[in-house]
Protein backbone atom coordinates (compact mmCIF):
# COMPACT_ATOMS: atom_id res chain seq x y z
CA UNK A 1 0.00 0.00 0.00
CA UNK A 2 1.28 3.44 -0.82
CA UNK A 3 1.53 6.33 1.61
CA UNK A 4 -1.45 8.64 1.76
CA UNK A 5 0.25 12.04 1.83
CA UNK A 6 -2.96 13.94 2.56
CA UNK A 7 -3.91 11.73 5.51
CA UNK A 8 -0.36 11.73 6.85
CA UNK A 9 -0.19 15.52 6.72
CA UNK A 10 -3.61 15.72 8.37
CA UNK A 11 -2.40 13.52 11.24
CA UNK A 12 0.57 15.83 11.78
CA UNK A 13 -1.69 18.89 11.77
CA UNK A 14 -4.42 17.34 13.94
CA UNK A 15 -2.09 15.91 16.59
CA UNK A 16 0.06 18.98 16.99
CA UNK A 17 2.44 20.39 19.57
CA UNK A 18 1.90 23.95 18.43
CA UNK A 19 1.75 26.48 19.95
CA UNK A 20 2.00 25.05 23.47
CA UNK A 21 4.75 22.45 23.07
CA UNK A 22 2.63 19.50 24.16
CA UNK A 23 0.64 17.30 21.78
CA UNK A 24 -3.11 17.62 21.60
CA UNK A 25 -5.83 17.15 19.01
CA UNK A 26 -6.39 20.43 17.20
CA UNK A 27 -9.64 20.47 15.20
CA UNK A 28 -9.24 24.22 14.61
CA UNK A 29 -5.81 23.77 13.09
CA UNK A 30 -7.17 21.00 10.91
CA UNK A 31 -9.94 23.25 9.62
CA UNK A 32 -7.52 26.12 9.07
CA UNK A 33 -5.14 23.90 7.10
CA UNK A 34 -7.66 21.85 5.11
CA UNK A 35 -10.76 24.03 4.90
CA UNK A 36 -13.91 22.17 3.93
CA UNK A 37 -11.99 18.89 3.61
CA UNK A 38 -11.37 18.91 7.37
CA UNK A 39 -14.90 17.69 8.08
CA UNK A 40 -14.24 14.55 6.07
CA UNK A 41 -10.80 13.96 7.58
CA UNK A 42 -11.67 14.52 11.23
CA UNK A 43 -13.57 11.24 11.90
CA UNK A 44 -10.68 9.24 10.42
CA UNK A 45 -8.14 11.16 12.51
CA UNK A 46 -10.15 10.73 15.69
CA UNK A 47 -10.42 7.00 14.96
CA UNK A 48 -6.64 6.73 14.50
CA UNK A 49 -5.98 8.54 17.78
CA UNK A 50 -8.50 6.36 19.60
CA UNK A 51 -7.07 3.18 18.10
CA UNK A 52 -3.56 4.17 19.18
CA UNK A 53 -4.70 5.01 22.70
CA UNK A 54 -6.60 1.72 23.07
CA UNK A 55 -3.68 -0.55 22.26
CA UNK A 56 -3.02 -2.91 25.16
CA UNK A 57 -0.05 -2.06 27.32
CA UNK A 58 2.62 -4.55 28.20
CA UNK A 59 5.07 -4.38 31.07
CA UNK A 60 7.10 -1.78 29.21
CA UNK A 61 8.61 1.54 30.01
CA UNK A 62 7.41 4.67 28.21
CA UNK A 63 9.89 4.53 25.35
CA UNK A 64 9.49 0.81 24.67
CA UNK A 65 5.71 1.05 24.96
CA UNK A 66 5.59 3.96 22.53
CA UNK A 67 7.80 2.15 20.01
CA UNK A 68 5.66 -1.00 20.32
CA UNK A 69 2.47 1.01 19.75
CA UNK A 70 4.01 2.77 16.73
CA UNK A 71 5.10 -0.59 15.29
CA UNK A 72 1.63 -2.07 15.72
CA UNK A 73 -0.03 0.96 14.15
CA UNK A 74 2.50 0.97 11.27
CA UNK A 75 1.47 -2.58 10.39
CA UNK A 76 -2.23 -1.72 10.68
CA UNK A 77 -1.89 1.58 8.79
CA UNK A 78 0.85 1.42 6.17
CA UNK A 79 -0.81 4.39 4.50
CA UNK A 80 0.68 6.67 7.18
CA UNK A 81 4.19 8.01 6.72
CA UNK A 82 6.81 7.77 9.50
CA UNK A 83 6.28 11.39 10.59
CA UNK A 84 2.54 10.84 11.03
CA UNK A 85 3.23 7.70 13.04
CA UNK A 86 5.71 9.61 15.19
CA UNK A 87 3.08 12.28 15.85
CA UNK A 88 0.61 9.63 17.00
CA UNK A 89 3.32 8.00 19.09
CA UNK A 90 4.29 11.27 20.73
CA UNK A 91 0.67 11.96 21.63
CA UNK A 92 0.23 8.45 22.98
CA UNK A 93 3.36 8.75 25.11
CA UNK A 94 2.30 12.16 26.39
CA UNK A 95 -1.02 10.66 27.47
CA UNK A 96 0.65 7.51 28.83
CA UNK A 97 -1.84 5.73 30.98
PDB file of N, CA and C in Angstrom:
ATOM      1  N   UNK A   1       0.858  -1.182   0.000  1.00  0.00           N
ATOM      2  CA  UNK A   1       0.000   0.000   0.000  1.00  0.00           C
ATOM      3  C   UNK A   1       0.898   1.238   0.000  1.00  0.00           C
ATOM      4  N   UNK A   2       0.498   2.219  -0.759  1.00  0.00           N
ATOM      5  CA  UNK A   2       1.285   3.441  -0.823  1.00  0.00           C
ATOM      6  C   UNK A   2       0.879   4.406   0.293  1.00  0.00           C
ATOM      7  N   UNK A   3       1.763   5.332   0.570  1.00  0.00           N
ATOM      8  CA  UNK A   3       1.531   6.329   1.609  1.00  0.00           C
ATOM      9  C   UNK A   3       0.476   7.326   1.133  1.00  0.00           C
ATOM     10  N   UNK A   4      -0.429   7.633   2.014  1.00  0.00           N
ATOM     11  CA  UNK A   4      -1.454   8.642   1.759  1.00  0.00           C
ATOM     12  C   UNK A   4      -0.926   9.962   2.302  1.00  0.00           C
ATOM     13  N   UNK A   5      -0.386  10.789   1.404  1.00  0.00           N
ATOM     14  CA  UNK A   5       0.247  12.041   1.826  1.00  0.00           C
ATOM     15  C   UNK A   5      -0.738  12.990   2.496  1.00  0.00           C
ATOM     16  N   UNK A   6      -1.955  13.056   1.984  1.00  0.00           N
ATOM     17  CA  UNK A   6      -2.958  13.940   2.563  1.00  0.00           C
ATOM     18  C   UNK A   6      -3.301  13.508   3.991  1.00  0.00           C
ATOM     19  N   UNK A   7      -3.572  12.235   4.176  1.00  0.00           N
ATOM     20  CA  UNK A   7      -3.914  11.730   5.510  1.00  0.00           C
ATOM     21  C   UNK A   7      -2.730  11.885   6.464  1.00  0.00           C
ATOM     22  N   UNK A   8      -1.541  11.592   5.996  1.00  0.00           N
ATOM     23  CA  UNK A   8      -0.360  11.727   6.846  1.00  0.00           C
ATOM     24  C   UNK A   8      -0.160  13.173   7.289  1.00  0.00           C
ATOM     25  N   UNK A   9      -0.309  14.099   6.369  1.00  0.00           N
ATOM     26  CA  UNK A   9      -0.190  15.518   6.720  1.00  0.00           C
ATOM     27  C   UNK A   9      -1.293  15.918   7.691  1.00  0.00           C
ATOM     28  N   UNK A  10      -2.485  15.399   7.476  1.00  0.00           N
ATOM     29  CA  UNK A  10      -3.610  15.718   8.367  1.00  0.00           C
ATOM     30  C   UNK A  10      -3.345  15.211   9.784  1.00  0.00           C
ATOM     31  N   UNK A  11      -2.751  14.033   9.914  1.00  0.00           N
ATOM     32  CA  UNK A  11      -2.399  13.515  11.245  1.00  0.00           C
ATOM     33  C   UNK A  11      -1.439  14.483  11.925  1.00  0.00           C
ATOM     34  N   UNK A  12      -0.420  14.924  11.197  1.00  0.00           N
ATOM     35  CA  UNK A  12       0.573  15.826  11.785  1.00  0.00           C
ATOM     36  C   UNK A  12      -0.046  17.164  12.188  1.00  0.00           C
ATOM     37  N   UNK A  13      -1.013  17.625  11.437  1.00  0.00           N
ATOM     38  CA  UNK A  13      -1.685  18.885  11.773  1.00  0.00           C
ATOM     39  C   UNK A  13      -2.646  18.684  12.942  1.00  0.00           C
ATOM     40  N   UNK A  14      -3.403  17.593  12.918  1.00  0.00           N
ATOM     41  CA  UNK A  14      -4.422  17.341  13.937  1.00  0.00           C
ATOM     42  C   UNK A  14      -3.810  17.055  15.310  1.00  0.00           C
ATOM     43  N   UNK A  15      -2.758  16.239  15.329  1.00  0.00           N
ATOM     44  CA  UNK A  15      -2.085  15.914  16.591  1.00  0.00           C
ATOM     45  C   UNK A  15      -0.826  16.774  16.640  1.00  0.00           C
ATOM     46  N   UNK A  16      -1.002  17.992  17.063  1.00  0.00           N
ATOM     47  CA  UNK A  16       0.064  18.981  16.987  1.00  0.00           C
ATOM     48  C   UNK A  16       0.636  19.317  18.355  1.00  0.00           C
ATOM     49  N   UNK A  17       1.818  19.868  18.345  1.00  0.00           N
ATOM     50  CA  UNK A  17       2.442  20.390  19.567  1.00  0.00           C
ATOM     51  C   UNK A  17       2.352  21.912  19.612  1.00  0.00           C
ATOM     52  N   UNK A  18       1.941  22.495  18.534  1.00  0.00           N
ATOM     53  CA  UNK A  18       1.905  23.955  18.434  1.00  0.00           C
ATOM     54  C   UNK A  18       0.625  24.499  19.025  1.00  0.00           C
ATOM     55  N   UNK A  19       0.601  25.625  19.593  1.00  0.00           N
ATOM     56  CA  UNK A  19       1.745  26.477  19.945  1.00  0.00           C
ATOM     57  C   UNK A  19       2.245  26.230  21.361  1.00  0.00           C
ATOM     58  N   UNK A  20       1.729  25.218  22.039  1.00  0.00           N
ATOM     59  CA  UNK A  20       2.001  25.047  23.467  1.00  0.00           C
ATOM     60  C   UNK A  20       3.168  24.125  23.793  1.00  0.00           C
ATOM     61  N   UNK A  21       3.641  23.353  22.829  1.00  0.00           N
ATOM     62  CA  UNK A  21       4.754  22.450  23.071  1.00  0.00           C
ATOM     63  C   UNK A  21       4.359  21.056  23.513  1.00  0.00           C
ATOM     64  N   UNK A  22       3.087  20.846  23.815  1.00  0.00           N
ATOM     65  CA  UNK A  22       2.628  19.505  24.165  1.00  0.00           C
ATOM     66  C   UNK A  22       1.589  19.069  23.142  1.00  0.00           C
ATOM     67  N   UNK A  23       1.550  17.763  22.834  1.00  0.00           N
ATOM     68  CA  UNK A  23       0.640  17.302  21.783  1.00  0.00           C
ATOM     69  C   UNK A  23      -0.807  17.300  22.254  1.00  0.00           C
ATOM     70  N   UNK A  24      -1.684  17.609  21.317  1.00  0.00           N
ATOM     71  CA  UNK A  24      -3.110  17.623  21.597  1.00  0.00           C
ATOM     72  C   UNK A  24      -3.839  17.621  20.262  1.00  0.00           C
ATOM     73  N   UNK A  25      -5.022  17.039  20.225  1.00  0.00           N
ATOM     74  CA  UNK A  25      -5.830  17.149  19.007  1.00  0.00           C
ATOM     75  C   UNK A  25      -6.210  18.604  18.776  1.00  0.00           C
ATOM     76  N   UNK A  26      -6.119  19.038  17.543  1.00  0.00           N
ATOM     77  CA  UNK A  26      -6.389  20.432  17.195  1.00  0.00           C
ATOM     78  C   UNK A  26      -7.355  20.514  16.012  1.00  0.00           C
ATOM     79  N   UNK A  27      -8.659  20.384  16.280  1.00  0.00           N
ATOM     80  CA  UNK A  27      -9.638  20.473  15.200  1.00  0.00           C
ATOM     81  C   UNK A  27      -9.594  21.829  14.491  1.00  0.00           C
ATOM     82  N   UNK A  28      -9.319  22.897  15.228  1.00  0.00           N
ATOM     83  CA  UNK A  28      -9.245  24.221  14.615  1.00  0.00           C
ATOM     84  C   UNK A  28      -8.101  24.327  13.629  1.00  0.00           C
ATOM     85  N   UNK A  29      -6.953  23.774  13.999  1.00  0.00           N
ATOM     86  CA  UNK A  29      -5.811  23.775  13.090  1.00  0.00           C
ATOM     87  C   UNK A  29      -6.082  22.946  11.846  1.00  0.00           C
ATOM     88  N   UNK A  30      -6.800  21.849  12.040  1.00  0.00           N
ATOM     89  CA  UNK A  30      -7.170  21.002  10.909  1.00  0.00           C
ATOM     90  C   UNK A  30      -8.057  21.775   9.938  1.00  0.00           C
ATOM     91  N   UNK A  31      -9.031  22.471  10.469  1.00  0.00           N
ATOM     92  CA  UNK A  31      -9.935  23.252   9.618  1.00  0.00           C
ATOM     93  C   UNK A  31      -9.191  24.391   8.929  1.00  0.00           C
ATOM     94  N   UNK A  32      -8.299  25.022   9.653  1.00  0.00           N
ATOM     95  CA  UNK A  32      -7.520  26.119   9.066  1.00  0.00           C
ATOM     96  C   UNK A  32      -6.650  25.624   7.918  1.00  0.00           C
ATOM     97  N   UNK A  33      -6.047  24.462   8.100  1.00  0.00           N
ATOM     98  CA  UNK A  33      -5.139  23.903   7.097  1.00  0.00           C
ATOM     99  C   UNK A  33      -5.870  23.293   5.900  1.00  0.00           C
ATOM    100  N   UNK A  34      -7.002  22.630   6.156  1.00  0.00           N
ATOM    101  CA  UNK A  34      -7.656  21.849   5.106  1.00  0.00           C
ATOM    102  C   UNK A  34      -9.010  22.386   4.668  1.00  0.00           C
ATOM    103  N   UNK A  35      -9.487  23.434   5.303  1.00  0.00           N
ATOM    104  CA  UNK A  35     -10.760  24.028   4.903  1.00  0.00           C
ATOM    105  C   UNK A  35     -11.908  23.047   4.990  1.00  0.00           C
ATOM    106  N   UNK A  36     -12.721  23.024   3.947  1.00  0.00           N
ATOM    107  CA  UNK A  36     -13.909  22.169   3.931  1.00  0.00           C
ATOM    108  C   UNK A  36     -13.572  20.674   4.008  1.00  0.00           C
ATOM    109  N   UNK A  37     -12.393  20.298   3.576  1.00  0.00           N
ATOM    110  CA  UNK A  37     -11.992  18.887   3.610  1.00  0.00           C
ATOM    111  C   UNK A  37     -11.785  18.391   5.039  1.00  0.00           C
ATOM    112  N   UNK A  38     -11.602  19.301   5.980  1.00  0.00           N
ATOM    113  CA  UNK A  38     -11.369  18.910   7.373  1.00  0.00           C
ATOM    114  C   UNK A  38     -12.520  18.084   7.934  1.00  0.00           C
ATOM    115  N   UNK A  39     -13.732  18.423   7.560  1.00  0.00           N
ATOM    116  CA  UNK A  39     -14.898  17.695   8.080  1.00  0.00           C
ATOM    117  C   UNK A  39     -14.855  16.224   7.678  1.00  0.00           C
ATOM    118  N   UNK A  40     -14.359  15.936   6.506  1.00  0.00           N
ATOM    119  CA  UNK A  40     -14.244  14.555   6.065  1.00  0.00           C
ATOM    120  C   UNK A  40     -13.057  13.823   6.673  1.00  0.00           C
ATOM    121  N   UNK A  41     -12.003  14.566   7.009  1.00  0.00           N
ATOM    122  CA  UNK A  41     -10.803  13.961   7.582  1.00  0.00           C
ATOM    123  C   UNK A  41     -10.930  13.704   9.082  1.00  0.00           C
ATOM    124  N   UNK A  42     -11.649  14.565   9.761  1.00  0.00           N
ATOM    125  CA  UNK A  42     -11.668  14.518  11.227  1.00  0.00           C
ATOM    126  C   UNK A  42     -12.110  13.173  11.810  1.00  0.00           C
ATOM    127  N   UNK A  43     -13.189  12.542  11.322  1.00  0.00           N
ATOM    128  CA  UNK A  43     -13.565  11.241  11.901  1.00  0.00           C
ATOM    129  C   UNK A  43     -12.461  10.187  11.759  1.00  0.00           C
ATOM    130  N   UNK A  44     -11.778  10.205  10.639  1.00  0.00           N
ATOM    131  CA  UNK A  44     -10.678   9.241  10.425  1.00  0.00           C
ATOM    132  C   UNK A  44      -9.538   9.518  11.394  1.00  0.00           C
ATOM    133  N   UNK A  45      -9.219  10.784  11.598  1.00  0.00           N
ATOM    134  CA  UNK A  45      -8.140  11.156  12.509  1.00  0.00           C
ATOM    135  C   UNK A  45      -8.488  10.798  13.950  1.00  0.00           C
ATOM    136  N   UNK A  46      -9.712  11.083  14.335  1.00  0.00           N
ATOM    137  CA  UNK A  46     -10.152  10.731  15.686  1.00  0.00           C
ATOM    138  C   UNK A  46     -10.107   9.220  15.895  1.00  0.00           C
ATOM    139  N   UNK A  47     -10.463   8.467  14.864  1.00  0.00           N
ATOM    140  CA  UNK A  47     -10.423   7.003  14.962  1.00  0.00           C
ATOM    141  C   UNK A  47      -8.979   6.508  15.101  1.00  0.00           C
ATOM    142  N   UNK A  48      -8.044   7.116  14.381  1.00  0.00           N
ATOM    143  CA  UNK A  48      -6.641   6.727  14.496  1.00  0.00           C
ATOM    144  C   UNK A  48      -6.102   7.020  15.895  1.00  0.00           C
ATOM    145  N   UNK A  49      -6.420   8.189  16.431  1.00  0.00           N
ATOM    146  CA  UNK A  49      -5.979   8.543  17.782  1.00  0.00           C
ATOM    147  C   UNK A  49      -6.571   7.566  18.793  1.00  0.00           C
ATOM    148  N   UNK A  50      -7.849   7.284  18.671  1.00  0.00           N
ATOM    149  CA  UNK A  50      -8.503   6.355  19.597  1.00  0.00           C
ATOM    150  C   UNK A  50      -7.887   4.964  19.502  1.00  0.00           C
ATOM    151  N   UNK A  51      -7.663   4.502  18.287  1.00  0.00           N
ATOM    152  CA  UNK A  51      -7.069   3.180  18.098  1.00  0.00           C
ATOM    153  C   UNK A  51      -5.689   3.106  18.761  1.00  0.00           C
ATOM    154  N   UNK A  52      -4.893   4.129  18.581  1.00  0.00           N
ATOM    155  CA  UNK A  52      -3.561   4.166  19.182  1.00  0.00           C
ATOM    156  C   UNK A  52      -3.663   4.125  20.706  1.00  0.00           C
ATOM    157  N   UNK A  53      -4.575   4.909  21.245  1.00  0.00           N
ATOM    158  CA  UNK A  53      -4.700   5.014  22.701  1.00  0.00           C
ATOM    159  C   UNK A  53      -5.267   3.727  23.324  1.00  0.00           C
ATOM    160  N   UNK A  54      -5.984   2.937  22.541  1.00  0.00           N
ATOM    161  CA  UNK A  54      -6.605   1.720  23.074  1.00  0.00           C
ATOM    162  C   UNK A  54      -5.745   0.471  22.932  1.00  0.00           C
ATOM    163  N   UNK A  55      -4.552   0.618  22.378  1.00  0.00           N
ATOM    164  CA  UNK A  55      -3.679  -0.549  22.260  1.00  0.00           C
ATOM    165  C   UNK A  55      -3.339  -1.056  23.657  1.00  0.00           C
ATOM    166  N   UNK A  56      -3.326  -2.368  23.829  1.00  0.00           N
ATOM    167  CA  UNK A  56      -3.017  -2.911  25.157  1.00  0.00           C
ATOM    168  C   UNK A  56      -1.572  -2.609  25.537  1.00  0.00           C
ATOM    169  N   UNK A  57      -1.382  -2.339  26.808  1.00  0.00           N
ATOM    170  CA  UNK A  57      -0.051  -2.058  27.324  1.00  0.00           C
ATOM    171  C   UNK A  57       0.581  -3.336  27.843  1.00  0.00           C
ATOM    172  N   UNK A  58       1.855  -3.434  27.643  1.00  0.00           N
ATOM    173  CA  UNK A  58       2.621  -4.549  28.195  1.00  0.00           C
ATOM    174  C   UNK A  58       3.386  -4.009  29.406  1.00  0.00           C
ATOM    175  N   UNK A  59       4.218  -4.830  29.975  1.00  0.00           N
ATOM    176  CA  UNK A  59       5.073  -4.379  31.073  1.00  0.00           C
ATOM    177  C   UNK A  59       6.296  -3.684  30.475  1.00  0.00           C
ATOM    178  N   UNK A  60       6.061  -2.519  29.917  1.00  0.00           N
ATOM    179  CA  UNK A  60       7.101  -1.784  29.215  1.00  0.00           C
ATOM    180  C   UNK A  60       7.266  -0.407  29.836  1.00  0.00           C
ATOM    181  N   UNK A  61       8.440   0.154  29.613  1.00  0.00           N
ATOM    182  CA  UNK A  61       8.609   1.543  30.007  1.00  0.00           C
ATOM    183  C   UNK A  61       8.026   2.436  28.912  1.00  0.00           C
ATOM    184  N   UNK A  62       8.043   3.716  29.130  1.00  0.00           N
ATOM    185  CA  UNK A  62       7.410   4.665  28.212  1.00  0.00           C
ATOM    186  C   UNK A  62       7.976   4.568  26.799  1.00  0.00           C
ATOM    187  N   UNK A  63       9.274   4.555  26.679  1.00  0.00           N
ATOM    188  CA  UNK A  63       9.894   4.527  25.349  1.00  0.00           C
ATOM    189  C   UNK A  63       9.579   3.225  24.629  1.00  0.00           C
ATOM    190  N   UNK A  64       9.759   2.101  25.307  1.00  0.00           N
ATOM    191  CA  UNK A  64       9.487   0.805  24.673  1.00  0.00           C
ATOM    192  C   UNK A  64       8.011   0.659  24.336  1.00  0.00           C
ATOM    193  N   UNK A  65       7.146   1.115  25.219  1.00  0.00           N
ATOM    194  CA  UNK A  65       5.713   1.046  24.957  1.00  0.00           C
ATOM    195  C   UNK A  65       5.295   1.899  23.768  1.00  0.00           C
ATOM    196  N   UNK A  66       5.891   3.078  23.671  1.00  0.00           N
ATOM    197  CA  UNK A  66       5.594   3.957  22.534  1.00  0.00           C
ATOM    198  C   UNK A  66       6.060   3.325  21.235  1.00  0.00           C
ATOM    199  N   UNK A  67       7.270   2.785  21.231  1.00  0.00           N
ATOM    200  CA  UNK A  67       7.800   2.151  20.013  1.00  0.00           C
ATOM    201  C   UNK A  67       6.950   0.932  19.625  1.00  0.00           C
ATOM    202  N   UNK A  68       6.508   0.160  20.608  1.00  0.00           N
ATOM    203  CA  UNK A  68       5.663  -0.997  20.317  1.00  0.00           C
ATOM    204  C   UNK A  68       4.327  -0.557  19.727  1.00  0.00           C
ATOM    205  N   UNK A  69       3.744   0.502  20.278  1.00  0.00           N
ATOM    206  CA  UNK A  69       2.471   1.014  19.750  1.00  0.00           C
ATOM    207  C   UNK A  69       2.655   1.535  18.328  1.00  0.00           C
ATOM    208  N   UNK A  70       3.741   2.265  18.081  1.00  0.00           N
ATOM    209  CA  UNK A  70       4.011   2.768  16.729  1.00  0.00           C
ATOM    210  C   UNK A  70       4.190   1.612  15.743  1.00  0.00           C
ATOM    211  N   UNK A  71       4.884   0.568  16.170  1.00  0.00           N
ATOM    212  CA  UNK A  71       5.101  -0.587  15.288  1.00  0.00           C
ATOM    213  C   UNK A  71       3.781  -1.274  14.955  1.00  0.00           C
ATOM    214  N   UNK A  72       2.933  -1.443  15.956  1.00  0.00           N
ATOM    215  CA  UNK A  72       1.629  -2.066  15.724  1.00  0.00           C
ATOM    216  C   UNK A  72       0.797  -1.222  14.766  1.00  0.00           C
ATOM    217  N   UNK A  73       0.770   0.075  15.010  1.00  0.00           N
ATOM    218  CA  UNK A  73      -0.027   0.959  14.146  1.00  0.00           C
ATOM    219  C   UNK A  73       0.558   1.037  12.734  1.00  0.00           C
ATOM    220  N   UNK A  74       1.873   0.940  12.605  1.00  0.00           N
ATOM    221  CA  UNK A  74       2.495   0.970  11.272  1.00  0.00           C
ATOM    222  C   UNK A  74       2.067  -0.233  10.441  1.00  0.00           C
ATOM    223  N   UNK A  75       1.930  -1.376  11.095  1.00  0.00           N
ATOM    224  CA  UNK A  75       1.467  -2.575  10.390  1.00  0.00           C
ATOM    225  C   UNK A  75      -0.005  -2.409  10.010  1.00  0.00           C
ATOM    226  N   UNK A  76      -0.805  -1.897  10.935  1.00  0.00           N
ATOM    227  CA  UNK A  76      -2.230  -1.718  10.681  1.00  0.00           C
ATOM    228  C   UNK A  76      -2.510  -0.615   9.670  1.00  0.00           C
ATOM    229  N   UNK A  77      -1.640   0.395   9.624  1.00  0.00           N
ATOM    230  CA  UNK A  77      -1.893   1.577   8.792  1.00  0.00           C
ATOM    231  C   UNK A  77      -0.655   1.954   7.975  1.00  0.00           C
ATOM    232  N   UNK A  78      -0.324   1.110   6.999  1.00  0.00           N
ATOM    233  CA  UNK A  78       0.850   1.416   6.170  1.00  0.00           C
ATOM    234  C   UNK A  78       0.656   2.663   5.305  1.00  0.00           C
ATOM    235  N   UNK A  79      -0.551   3.172   5.267  1.00  0.00           N
ATOM    236  CA  UNK A  79      -0.805   4.394   4.496  1.00  0.00           C
ATOM    237  C   UNK A  79      -0.263   5.646   5.180  1.00  0.00           C
ATOM    238  N   UNK A  80       0.145   5.524   6.450  1.00  0.00           N
ATOM    239  CA  UNK A  80       0.683   6.666   7.177  1.00  0.00           C
ATOM    240  C   UNK A  80       2.208   6.698   7.056  1.00  0.00           C
ATOM    241  N   UNK A  81       2.741   7.887   6.813  1.00  0.00           N
ATOM    242  CA  UNK A  81       4.190   8.008   6.717  1.00  0.00           C
ATOM    243  C   UNK A  81       4.822   8.010   8.112  1.00  0.00           C
ATOM    244  N   UNK A  82       6.140   7.850   8.197  1.00  0.00           N
ATOM    245  CA  UNK A  82       6.806   7.775   9.504  1.00  0.00           C
ATOM    246  C   UNK A  82       6.581   9.010  10.386  1.00  0.00           C
ATOM    247  N   UNK A  83       6.499  10.184   9.793  1.00  0.00           N
ATOM    248  CA  UNK A  83       6.278  11.387  10.593  1.00  0.00           C
ATOM    249  C   UNK A  83       4.878  11.407  11.205  1.00  0.00           C
ATOM    250  N   UNK A  84       3.898  10.935  10.483  1.00  0.00           N
ATOM    251  CA  UNK A  84       2.535  10.844  11.032  1.00  0.00           C
ATOM    252  C   UNK A  84       2.498   9.835  12.163  1.00  0.00           C
ATOM    253  N   UNK A  85       3.189   8.710  11.984  1.00  0.00           N
ATOM    254  CA  UNK A  85       3.227   7.700  13.035  1.00  0.00           C
ATOM    255  C   UNK A  85       3.940   8.242  14.262  1.00  0.00           C
ATOM    256  N   UNK A  86       4.996   9.007  14.059  1.00  0.00           N
ATOM    257  CA  UNK A  86       5.715   9.606  15.188  1.00  0.00           C
ATOM    258  C   UNK A  86       4.827  10.596  15.933  1.00  0.00           C
ATOM    259  N   UNK A  87       4.001  11.339  15.201  1.00  0.00           N
ATOM    260  CA  UNK A  87       3.080  12.285  15.849  1.00  0.00           C
ATOM    261  C   UNK A  87       2.075  11.538  16.715  1.00  0.00           C
ATOM    262  N   UNK A  88       1.535  10.447  16.190  1.00  0.00           N
ATOM    263  CA  UNK A  88       0.612   9.628  16.996  1.00  0.00           C
ATOM    264  C   UNK A  88       1.330   9.036  18.202  1.00  0.00           C
ATOM    265  N   UNK A  89       2.551   8.576  17.996  1.00  0.00           N
ATOM    266  CA  UNK A  89       3.320   8.003  19.095  1.00  0.00           C
ATOM    267  C   UNK A  89       3.643   9.024  20.167  1.00  0.00           C
ATOM    268  N   UNK A  90       3.977  10.236  19.755  1.00  0.00           N
ATOM    269  CA  UNK A  90       4.291  11.275  20.731  1.00  0.00           C
ATOM    270  C   UNK A  90       3.050  11.608  21.566  1.00  0.00           C
ATOM    271  N   UNK A  91       1.915  11.692  20.902  1.00  0.00           N
ATOM    272  CA  UNK A  91       0.674  11.965  21.631  1.00  0.00           C
ATOM    273  C   UNK A  91       0.354  10.827  22.595  1.00  0.00           C
ATOM    274  N   UNK A  92       0.500   9.603  22.134  1.00  0.00           N
ATOM    275  CA  UNK A  92       0.235   8.448  22.976  1.00  0.00           C
ATOM    276  C   UNK A  92       1.157   8.451  24.192  1.00  0.00           C
ATOM    277  N   UNK A  93       2.426   8.743  23.985  1.00  0.00           N
ATOM    278  CA  UNK A  93       3.363   8.748  25.107  1.00  0.00           C
ATOM    279  C   UNK A  93       3.080   9.899  26.058  1.00  0.00           C
ATOM    280  N   UNK A  94       2.641  11.019  25.529  1.00  0.00           N
ATOM    281  CA  UNK A  94       2.297  12.158  26.385  1.00  0.00           C
ATOM    282  C   UNK A  94       1.100  11.804  27.286  1.00  0.00           C
ATOM    283  N   UNK A  95       0.183  11.044  26.726  1.00  0.00           N
ATOM    284  CA  UNK A  95      -1.025  10.661  27.467  1.00  0.00           C
ATOM    285  C   UNK A  95      -0.861   9.314  28.159  1.00  0.00           C
ATOM    286  N   UNK A  96       0.367   8.842  28.293  1.00  0.00           N
ATOM    287  CA  UNK A  96       0.654   7.512  28.835  1.00  0.00           C
ATOM    288  C   UNK A  96      -0.226   7.212  30.037  1.00  0.00           C
ATOM    289  N   UNK A  97      -0.882   6.074  29.939  1.00  0.00           N
ATOM    290  CA  UNK A  97      -1.842   5.729  30.977  1.00  0.00           C
ATOM    291  C   UNK A  97      -1.210   5.004  32.120  1.00  0.00           C
TER     292      UNK A  97
END
